[in-house]
């Protein structure tokens, strides 16, 4: 076998072994993140379910508006205030850059 080809084959084998070791290390380190990633997967699945069934949150919101209009109005005004505060803070932080 050509010495250059033999050297390339050895280098390829060393890289494959190194990649296998890195994959094992990554899997071991990522195992600590499994609970958080599982929670994120469940949240994502829940959001997808809500997108497929929008009538349920709309019905719940309508029921809240009918049963507790003051509470809904109070939370909407708080949300609007928080939204405006976040936007103005973002603009202010943007001017600092």
N, C-alpha and C. Protein backbone atom coordinates (compact mmCIF):
# COMPACT_ATOMS: atom_id res chain seq x y z
N UNK A 1 0.85 -1.18 0.00
CA UNK A 1 0.00 0.00 0.00
C UNK A 1 0.89 1.24 0.00
N UNK A 2 0.46 2.25 -0.67
CA UNK A 2 1.15 3.52 -0.77
C UNK A 2 1.27 4.14 0.63
N UNK A 3 2.45 4.62 1.03
CA UNK A 3 2.63 5.18 2.37
C UNK A 3 1.71 6.38 2.64
N UNK A 4 1.43 7.19 1.64
CA UNK A 4 0.54 8.34 1.83
C UNK A 4 -0.89 7.86 2.11
N UNK A 5 -1.31 6.81 1.38
CA UNK A 5 -2.65 6.27 1.61
C UNK A 5 -2.75 5.62 2.99
N UNK A 6 -1.69 4.94 3.39
CA UNK A 6 -1.68 4.31 4.70
C UNK A 6 -1.77 5.38 5.80
N UNK A 7 -1.03 6.45 5.64
CA UNK A 7 -1.08 7.55 6.61
C UNK A 7 -2.47 8.17 6.67
N UNK A 8 -3.10 8.36 5.51
CA UNK A 8 -4.46 8.91 5.48
C UNK A 8 -5.46 7.96 6.16
N UNK A 9 -5.30 6.65 5.92
CA UNK A 9 -6.20 5.68 6.54
C UNK A 9 -6.03 5.69 8.06
N UNK A 10 -4.80 5.80 8.53
CA UNK A 10 -4.54 5.86 9.98
C UNK A 10 -5.12 7.15 10.58
N UNK A 11 -4.94 8.24 9.85
CA UNK A 11 -5.48 9.51 10.34
C UNK A 11 -7.01 9.45 10.41
N UNK A 12 -7.63 8.83 9.40
CA UNK A 12 -9.09 8.69 9.40
C UNK A 12 -9.54 7.86 10.59
N UNK A 13 -8.82 6.78 10.87
CA UNK A 13 -9.18 5.93 11.98
C UNK A 13 -9.03 6.67 13.32
N UNK A 14 -7.97 7.43 13.47
CA UNK A 14 -7.77 8.21 14.71
C UNK A 14 -8.89 9.24 14.88
N UNK A 15 -9.28 9.90 13.79
CA UNK A 15 -10.36 10.87 13.87
C UNK A 15 -11.69 10.21 14.22
N UNK A 16 -11.94 9.03 13.68
CA UNK A 16 -13.17 8.31 14.01
C UNK A 16 -13.20 7.92 15.48
N UNK A 17 -12.08 7.46 16.02
CA UNK A 17 -12.01 7.11 17.43
C UNK A 17 -12.20 8.36 18.31
N UNK A 18 -11.58 9.45 17.90
CA UNK A 18 -11.73 10.70 18.64
C UNK A 18 -13.18 11.18 18.61
N UNK A 19 -13.84 11.05 17.46
CA UNK A 19 -15.25 11.44 17.36
C UNK A 19 -16.13 10.57 18.24
N UNK A 20 -15.85 9.29 18.29
CA UNK A 20 -16.64 8.40 19.15
C UNK A 20 -16.48 8.78 20.61
N UNK A 21 -15.26 9.11 21.01
CA UNK A 21 -15.01 9.53 22.40
C UNK A 21 -15.74 10.84 22.70
N UNK A 22 -15.70 11.76 21.77
CA UNK A 22 -16.39 13.04 21.97
C UNK A 22 -17.90 12.85 22.06
N UNK A 23 -18.47 11.95 21.23
CA UNK A 23 -19.90 11.67 21.31
C UNK A 23 -20.28 11.09 22.66
N UNK A 24 -19.45 10.17 23.19
CA UNK A 24 -19.72 9.59 24.50
C UNK A 24 -19.63 10.64 25.60
N UNK A 25 -18.64 11.51 25.53
CA UNK A 25 -18.51 12.59 26.51
C UNK A 25 -19.71 13.53 26.46
N UNK A 26 -20.13 13.87 25.25
CA UNK A 26 -21.28 14.76 25.09
C UNK A 26 -22.53 14.12 25.66
N UNK A 27 -22.74 12.84 25.38
CA UNK A 27 -23.93 12.15 25.90
C UNK A 27 -23.90 12.11 27.42
N UNK A 28 -22.74 11.90 28.01
CA UNK A 28 -22.63 11.86 29.47
C UNK A 28 -22.92 13.24 30.07
N UNK A 29 -22.41 14.28 29.46
CA UNK A 29 -22.65 15.64 29.97
C UNK A 29 -24.09 16.08 29.73
N UNK A 30 -24.66 15.66 28.62
CA UNK A 30 -26.03 16.07 28.29
C UNK A 30 -27.06 15.34 29.14
N UNK A 31 -26.68 14.25 29.77
CA UNK A 31 -27.63 13.51 30.61
C UNK A 31 -28.12 14.38 31.76
N UNK A 32 -27.31 15.31 32.23
CA UNK A 32 -27.73 16.20 33.31
C UNK A 32 -28.82 17.16 32.84
N UNK A 33 -28.89 17.41 31.55
CA UNK A 33 -29.90 18.32 31.01
C UNK A 33 -31.20 17.62 30.65
N UNK A 34 -31.26 16.32 30.77
CA UNK A 34 -32.43 15.56 30.34
C UNK A 34 -33.73 16.02 31.01
N UNK A 35 -33.75 16.26 32.34
CA UNK A 35 -35.03 16.72 32.93
C UNK A 35 -35.50 18.06 32.36
N UNK A 36 -34.58 19.00 32.20
CA UNK A 36 -34.97 20.31 31.65
C UNK A 36 -35.40 20.18 30.20
N UNK A 37 -34.72 19.36 29.44
CA UNK A 37 -35.10 19.17 28.04
C UNK A 37 -36.44 18.44 27.94
N UNK A 38 -36.70 17.52 28.85
CA UNK A 38 -37.99 16.84 28.87
C UNK A 38 -39.12 17.81 29.17
N UNK A 39 -38.87 18.72 30.10
CA UNK A 39 -39.87 19.74 30.42
C UNK A 39 -40.12 20.64 29.21
N UNK A 40 -39.05 21.03 28.53
CA UNK A 40 -39.20 21.86 27.33
C UNK A 40 -39.97 21.12 26.24
N UNK A 41 -39.72 19.82 26.10
CA UNK A 41 -40.46 19.03 25.10
C UNK A 41 -41.95 18.97 25.44
N UNK A 42 -42.26 18.79 26.73
CA UNK A 42 -43.67 18.76 27.12
C UNK A 42 -44.33 20.11 26.88
N UNK A 43 -43.62 21.20 27.18
CA UNK A 43 -44.18 22.54 26.95
C UNK A 43 -44.42 22.77 25.46
N UNK A 44 -43.48 22.33 24.65
CA UNK A 44 -43.63 22.48 23.21
C UNK A 44 -44.80 21.66 22.68
N UNK A 45 -44.96 20.44 23.21
CA UNK A 45 -46.09 19.60 22.80
C UNK A 45 -47.41 20.24 23.24
N UNK A 46 -47.41 20.83 24.44
CA UNK A 46 -48.62 21.50 24.90
C UNK A 46 -48.97 22.70 24.04
N UNK A 47 -47.96 23.47 23.64
CA UNK A 47 -48.21 24.62 22.77
C UNK A 47 -48.73 24.16 21.40
N UNK A 48 -48.18 23.06 20.90
CA UNK A 48 -48.65 22.53 19.61
C UNK A 48 -50.11 22.07 19.73
N UNK A 49 -50.44 21.45 20.87
CA UNK A 49 -51.81 21.01 21.08
C UNK A 49 -52.75 22.21 21.13
N UNK A 50 -52.33 23.28 21.81
CA UNK A 50 -53.16 24.49 21.87
C UNK A 50 -53.34 25.12 20.49
N UNK A 51 -52.31 25.06 19.65
CA UNK A 51 -52.46 25.59 18.30
C UNK A 51 -53.45 24.76 17.49
N UNK A 52 -53.50 23.46 17.74
CA UNK A 52 -54.45 22.60 17.03
C UNK A 52 -55.86 22.73 17.59
N UNK A 53 -56.00 23.15 18.84
CA UNK A 53 -57.31 23.26 19.49
C UNK A 53 -57.49 24.67 20.07
N UNK A 54 -57.58 25.69 19.25
CA UNK A 54 -57.67 27.06 19.78
C UNK A 54 -59.01 27.38 20.43
N UNK A 55 -60.01 26.56 20.21
CA UNK A 55 -61.32 26.86 20.77
C UNK A 55 -61.33 26.76 22.30
N UNK A 56 -60.50 25.91 22.87
CA UNK A 56 -60.50 25.76 24.33
C UNK A 56 -59.97 26.99 25.06
N UNK A 57 -58.81 27.53 24.71
CA UNK A 57 -58.38 28.75 25.41
C UNK A 57 -59.29 29.95 25.12
N UNK A 58 -59.86 30.00 23.92
CA UNK A 58 -60.78 31.10 23.61
C UNK A 58 -62.03 30.99 24.48
N UNK A 59 -62.55 29.77 24.64
CA UNK A 59 -63.73 29.56 25.48
C UNK A 59 -63.42 29.90 26.93
N UNK A 60 -62.24 29.53 27.41
CA UNK A 60 -61.85 29.85 28.78
C UNK A 60 -61.74 31.36 28.97
N UNK A 61 -61.15 32.05 28.00
CA UNK A 61 -61.03 33.51 28.08
C UNK A 61 -62.41 34.17 28.04
N UNK A 62 -63.29 33.67 27.21
CA UNK A 62 -64.64 34.23 27.14
C UNK A 62 -65.38 34.02 28.46
N UNK A 63 -65.21 32.85 29.05
CA UNK A 63 -65.85 32.58 30.34
C UNK A 63 -65.32 33.53 31.41
N UNK A 64 -64.00 33.77 31.39
CA UNK A 64 -63.43 34.71 32.36
C UNK A 64 -63.99 36.11 32.17
N UNK A 65 -64.11 36.53 30.93
CA UNK A 65 -64.63 37.87 30.65
C UNK A 65 -66.07 37.99 31.14
N UNK A 66 -66.85 36.94 30.96
CA UNK A 66 -68.25 36.98 31.39
C UNK A 66 -68.37 36.90 32.91
N UNK A 67 -67.58 36.02 33.53
CA UNK A 67 -67.71 35.79 34.97
C UNK A 67 -66.97 36.82 35.82
N UNK A 68 -65.80 37.25 35.36
CA UNK A 68 -64.98 38.18 36.15
C UNK A 68 -64.44 39.30 35.27
N UNK A 69 -65.27 40.21 34.81
CA UNK A 69 -64.78 41.25 33.89
C UNK A 69 -63.78 42.20 34.56
N UNK A 70 -63.96 42.53 35.82
CA UNK A 70 -63.02 43.44 36.49
C UNK A 70 -61.63 42.83 36.59
N UNK A 71 -61.60 41.55 36.94
CA UNK A 71 -60.31 40.87 37.05
C UNK A 71 -59.60 40.84 35.70
N UNK A 72 -60.35 40.52 34.65
CA UNK A 72 -59.76 40.47 33.31
C UNK A 72 -59.26 41.85 32.91
N UNK A 73 -60.05 42.89 33.16
CA UNK A 73 -59.64 44.25 32.82
C UNK A 73 -58.37 44.64 33.58
N UNK A 74 -58.31 44.29 34.86
CA UNK A 74 -57.13 44.62 35.68
C UNK A 74 -55.88 43.94 35.12
N UNK A 75 -55.98 42.64 34.76
CA UNK A 75 -54.82 41.94 34.24
C UNK A 75 -54.44 42.43 32.84
N UNK A 76 -55.43 42.81 32.04
CA UNK A 76 -55.11 43.38 30.73
C UNK A 76 -54.38 44.71 30.87
N UNK A 77 -54.80 45.54 31.82
CA UNK A 77 -54.11 46.82 32.00
C UNK A 77 -52.70 46.60 32.54
N UNK A 78 -52.55 45.63 33.43
CA UNK A 78 -51.19 45.31 33.92
C UNK A 78 -50.30 44.80 32.79
N UNK A 79 -50.87 43.95 31.95
CA UNK A 79 -50.10 43.43 30.82
C UNK A 79 -49.71 44.53 29.84
N UNK A 80 -50.63 45.47 29.60
CA UNK A 80 -50.31 46.58 28.70
C UNK A 80 -49.22 47.44 29.30
N UNK A 81 -49.29 47.68 30.61
CA UNK A 81 -48.24 48.46 31.26
C UNK A 81 -46.89 47.76 31.15
N UNK A 82 -46.88 46.44 31.41
CA UNK A 82 -45.63 45.68 31.32
C UNK A 82 -45.08 45.70 29.90
N UNK A 83 -45.97 45.60 28.92
CA UNK A 83 -45.55 45.63 27.52
C UNK A 83 -44.90 46.97 27.17
N UNK A 84 -45.56 48.06 27.57
CA UNK A 84 -45.00 49.39 27.29
C UNK A 84 -43.67 49.59 28.01
N UNK A 85 -43.58 49.13 29.27
CA UNK A 85 -42.34 49.28 30.03
C UNK A 85 -41.21 48.49 29.38
N UNK A 86 -41.51 47.28 28.92
CA UNK A 86 -40.48 46.46 28.28
C UNK A 86 -40.01 47.09 26.97
N UNK A 87 -40.94 47.62 26.21
CA UNK A 87 -40.56 48.26 24.94
C UNK A 87 -39.72 49.50 25.18
N UNK A 88 -40.12 50.34 26.16
CA UNK A 88 -39.34 51.55 26.41
C UNK A 88 -37.98 51.19 27.00
N UNK A 89 -37.91 50.15 27.83
CA UNK A 89 -36.62 49.72 28.36
C UNK A 89 -35.72 49.20 27.23
N UNK A 90 -36.32 48.49 26.29
CA UNK A 90 -35.55 48.00 25.15
C UNK A 90 -35.01 49.14 24.30
N UNK A 91 -35.84 50.16 24.09
CA UNK A 91 -35.37 51.32 23.33
C UNK A 91 -34.26 52.04 24.08
N UNK A 92 -34.44 52.17 25.40
CA UNK A 92 -33.43 52.87 26.21
C UNK A 92 -32.12 52.09 26.20
N UNK A 93 -32.19 50.77 26.32
CA UNK A 93 -30.97 49.96 26.28
C UNK A 93 -30.35 50.00 24.89
N UNK A 94 -31.16 50.12 23.86
CA UNK A 94 -30.63 50.21 22.50
C UNK A 94 -29.85 51.51 22.28
N UNK A 95 -30.26 52.58 22.95
CA UNK A 95 -29.55 53.85 22.80
C UNK A 95 -28.22 53.83 23.55
N UNK A 96 -28.08 52.93 24.53
CA UNK A 96 -26.83 52.86 25.29
C UNK A 96 -25.71 52.20 24.50
N UNK A 97 -26.06 51.43 23.52
CA UNK A 97 -25.03 50.71 22.74
C UNK A 97 -24.32 51.64 21.87
